[in-house]
Amino acid sequence: MARRGGHIVVDVVVTKEGNQYSSWCPKLDIASCGDDPEEAVENLRDALELYLNTLEEEGERERIFKERGVRILRADKPVIPTSFVTQYRQKIPTSR
């Protein structure tokens, strides 16, 4: 993708499953895992790069991107999240 001066932006969902963390890209339906959230995301990034390279080699990128609503953005276009970025669960004390 970098050789064309563009990028795609996708959402990533990270959840804890037992002793591992899973990462999932809903837009492209690719998943991975890792021992911590950062590793899970990095492994997903590697899986996505492999998937995108394979799509390119097979000449399927344009079709898949169109089907799934993926747009290639110019390299200088800022990334603005369209949904929440992360979610945390916290305990908040009450007066009782």
C-alpha atoms as a PDB file:
ATOM      1  CA  MET A   1       0.000   0.000   0.000  1.00  0.00           C
ATOM      2  CA  ALA A   2       2.789   2.448   0.830  1.00  0.00           C
ATOM      3  CA  ARG A   3       4.147   2.340  -2.709  1.00  0.00           C
ATOM      4  CA  ARG A   4       0.980   4.083  -3.930  1.00  0.00           C
ATOM      5  CA  GLY A   5       1.153   6.845  -1.333  1.00  0.00           C
ATOM      6  CA  GLY A   6      -2.035   5.889   0.476  1.00  0.00           C
ATOM      7  CA  HIS A   7      -3.389   3.924   3.386  1.00  0.00           C
ATOM      8  CA  ILE A   8      -6.581   2.413   4.697  1.00  0.00           C
ATOM      9  CA  VAL A   9      -8.091   2.968   8.130  1.00  0.00           C
ATOM     10  CA  VAL A  10      -9.831   0.105   9.909  1.00  0.00           C
ATOM     11  CA  ASP A  11     -11.257  -0.424  13.379  1.00  0.00           C
ATOM     12  CA  VAL A  12      -9.692  -3.079  15.596  1.00  0.00           C
ATOM     13  CA  VAL A  13     -11.486  -4.875  18.431  1.00  0.00           C
ATOM     14  CA  VAL A  14      -9.313  -6.340  21.212  1.00  0.00           C
ATOM     15  CA  THR A  15     -10.784  -8.669  23.825  1.00  0.00           C
ATOM     16  CA  LYS A  16      -9.318 -10.817  26.558  1.00  0.00           C
ATOM     17  CA  GLU A  17      -9.940 -14.527  26.184  1.00  0.00           C
ATOM     18  CA  GLY A  18      -8.511 -16.565  29.049  1.00  0.00           C
ATOM     19  CA  ASN A  19      -4.778 -15.824  29.273  1.00  0.00           C
ATOM     20  CA  GLN A  20      -4.606 -14.351  25.760  1.00  0.00           C
ATOM     21  CA  TYR A  21      -5.896 -11.306  23.924  1.00  0.00           C
ATOM     22  CA  SER A  22      -7.638 -11.584  20.591  1.00  0.00           C
ATOM     23  CA  SER A  23      -7.670  -8.836  17.982  1.00  0.00           C
ATOM     24  CA  TRP A  24     -10.176  -8.579  15.153  1.00  0.00           C
ATOM     25  CA  CYS A  25     -10.684  -6.283  12.192  1.00  0.00           C
ATOM     26  CA  PRO A  26     -14.450  -6.425  11.496  1.00  0.00           C
ATOM     27  CA  LYS A  27     -14.225  -4.575   8.154  1.00  0.00           C
ATOM     28  CA  LEU A  28     -11.946  -7.237   6.645  1.00  0.00           C
ATOM     29  CA  ASP A  29     -12.864 -10.104   9.026  1.00  0.00           C
ATOM     30  CA  ILE A  30      -9.252 -10.887   9.908  1.00  0.00           C
ATOM     31  CA  ALA A  31      -8.249 -11.926  13.437  1.00  0.00           C
ATOM     32  CA  SER A  32      -5.129 -12.672  15.447  1.00  0.00           C
ATOM     33  CA  CYS A  33      -4.023 -12.946  19.070  1.00  0.00           C
ATOM     34  CA  GLY A  34      -1.192 -12.193  21.484  1.00  0.00           C
ATOM     35  CA  ASP A  35      -0.073 -12.360  25.100  1.00  0.00           C
ATOM     36  CA  ASP A  36      -1.012  -8.704  25.691  1.00  0.00           C
ATOM     37  CA  PRO A  37      -3.152  -6.145  23.830  1.00  0.00           C
ATOM     38  CA  GLU A  38      -0.174  -4.571  22.059  1.00  0.00           C
ATOM     39  CA  GLU A  39       1.095  -7.918  20.779  1.00  0.00           C
ATOM     40  CA  ALA A  40      -2.409  -8.878  19.639  1.00  0.00           C
ATOM     41  CA  VAL A  41      -2.675  -5.650  17.621  1.00  0.00           C
ATOM     42  CA  GLU A  42       0.821  -6.035  16.165  1.00  0.00           C
ATOM     43  CA  ASN A  43       0.065  -9.633  15.142  1.00  0.00           C
ATOM     44  CA  LEU A  44      -3.189  -8.454  13.551  1.00  0.00           C
ATOM     45  CA  ARG A  45      -1.295  -5.766  11.647  1.00  0.00           C
ATOM     46  CA  ASP A  46       1.033  -8.460  10.263  1.00  0.00           C
ATOM     47  CA  ALA A  47      -1.955 -10.638   9.289  1.00  0.00           C
ATOM     48  CA  LEU A  48      -3.652  -7.674   7.601  1.00  0.00           C
ATOM     49  CA  GLU A  49      -0.511  -6.813   5.624  1.00  0.00           C
ATOM     50  CA  LEU A  50      -0.242 -10.419   4.431  1.00  0.00           C
ATOM     51  CA  TYR A  51      -3.937 -10.439   3.477  1.00  0.00           C
ATOM     52  CA  LEU A  52      -3.691  -7.123   1.617  1.00  0.00           C
ATOM     53  CA  ASN A  53      -0.544  -8.228  -0.231  1.00  0.00           C
ATOM     54  CA  THR A  54      -2.291 -11.455  -1.248  1.00  0.00           C
ATOM     55  CA  LEU A  55      -5.330  -9.514  -2.496  1.00  0.00           C
ATOM     56  CA  GLU A  56      -3.009  -7.312  -4.537  1.00  0.00           C
ATOM     57  CA  GLU A  57      -1.131 -10.293  -6.027  1.00  0.00           C
ATOM     58  CA  GLU A  58      -4.392 -12.016  -6.980  1.00  0.00           C
ATOM     59  CA  GLY A  59      -5.903  -8.845  -8.445  1.00  0.00           C
ATOM     60  CA  GLU A  60      -8.801  -8.954  -5.976  1.00  0.00           C
ATOM     61  CA  ARG A  61      -8.121  -5.804  -3.953  1.00  0.00           C
ATOM     62  CA  GLU A  62     -10.477  -3.476  -5.829  1.00  0.00           C
ATOM     63  CA  ARG A  63     -13.370  -5.957  -5.692  1.00  0.00           C
ATOM     64  CA  ILE A  64     -12.943  -6.773  -2.005  1.00  0.00           C
ATOM     65  CA  PHE A  65     -12.496  -3.115  -1.044  1.00  0.00           C
ATOM     66  CA  LYS A  66     -15.664  -2.180  -2.948  1.00  0.00           C
ATOM     67  CA  GLU A  67     -17.671  -5.021  -1.366  1.00  0.00           C
ATOM     68  CA  ARG A  68     -16.547  -4.083   2.147  1.00  0.00           C
ATOM     69  CA  GLY A  69     -16.569  -0.309   1.816  1.00  0.00           C
ATOM     70  CA  VAL A  70     -12.812   0.129   2.286  1.00  0.00           C
ATOM     71  CA  ARG A  71     -11.380   3.343   0.875  1.00  0.00           C
ATOM     72  CA  ILE A  72      -7.747   4.126   0.139  1.00  0.00           C
ATOM     73  CA  LEU A  73      -6.865   7.506   1.641  1.00  0.00           C
ATOM     74  CA  ARG A  74      -4.126   9.862   0.527  1.00  0.00           C
ATOM     75  CA  ALA A  75      -0.945   9.671   2.598  1.00  0.00           C
ATOM     76  CA  ASP A  76      -1.447  13.229   3.938  1.00  0.00           C
ATOM     77  CA  LYS A  77      -5.092  12.804   4.972  1.00  0.00           C
ATOM     78  CA  PRO A  78      -5.492  12.727   8.779  1.00  0.00           C
ATOM     79  CA  VAL A  79      -7.030   9.727  10.518  1.00  0.00           C
ATOM     80  CA  ILE A  80     -10.174  10.762  12.377  1.00  0.00           C
ATOM     81  CA  PRO A  81     -11.897   7.981  14.358  1.00  0.00           C
ATOM     82  CA  THR A  82     -15.527   7.389  13.422  1.00  0.00           C
ATOM     83  CA  SER A  83     -16.272   5.536  16.654  1.00  0.00           C
ATOM     84  CA  PHE A  84     -14.878   5.206  20.150  1.00  0.00           C
ATOM     85  CA  VAL A  85     -11.169   4.465  20.293  1.00  0.00           C
ATOM     86  CA  THR A  86     -11.007   2.291  23.385  1.00  0.00           C
ATOM     87  CA  GLN A  87     -13.108   1.114  26.275  1.00  0.00           C
ATOM     88  CA  TYR A  88     -12.166   0.768  29.924  1.00  0.00           C
ATOM     89  CA  ARG A  89     -14.047  -0.705  32.837  1.00  0.00           C
ATOM     90  CA  GLN A  90     -13.430   1.002  36.179  1.00  0.00           C
ATOM     91  CA  LYS A  91     -14.722   0.777  39.715  1.00  0.00           C
ATOM     92  CA  ILE A  92     -16.136   4.071  40.952  1.00  0.00           C
ATOM     93  CA  PRO A  93     -16.787   4.277  44.696  1.00  0.00           C
ATOM     94  CA  THR A  94     -20.193   5.406  45.910  1.00  0.00           C
ATOM     95  CA  SER A  95     -21.111   6.981  49.204  1.00  0.00           C
ATOM     96  CA  ARG A  96     -22.900   3.822  50.433  1.00  0.00           C
END
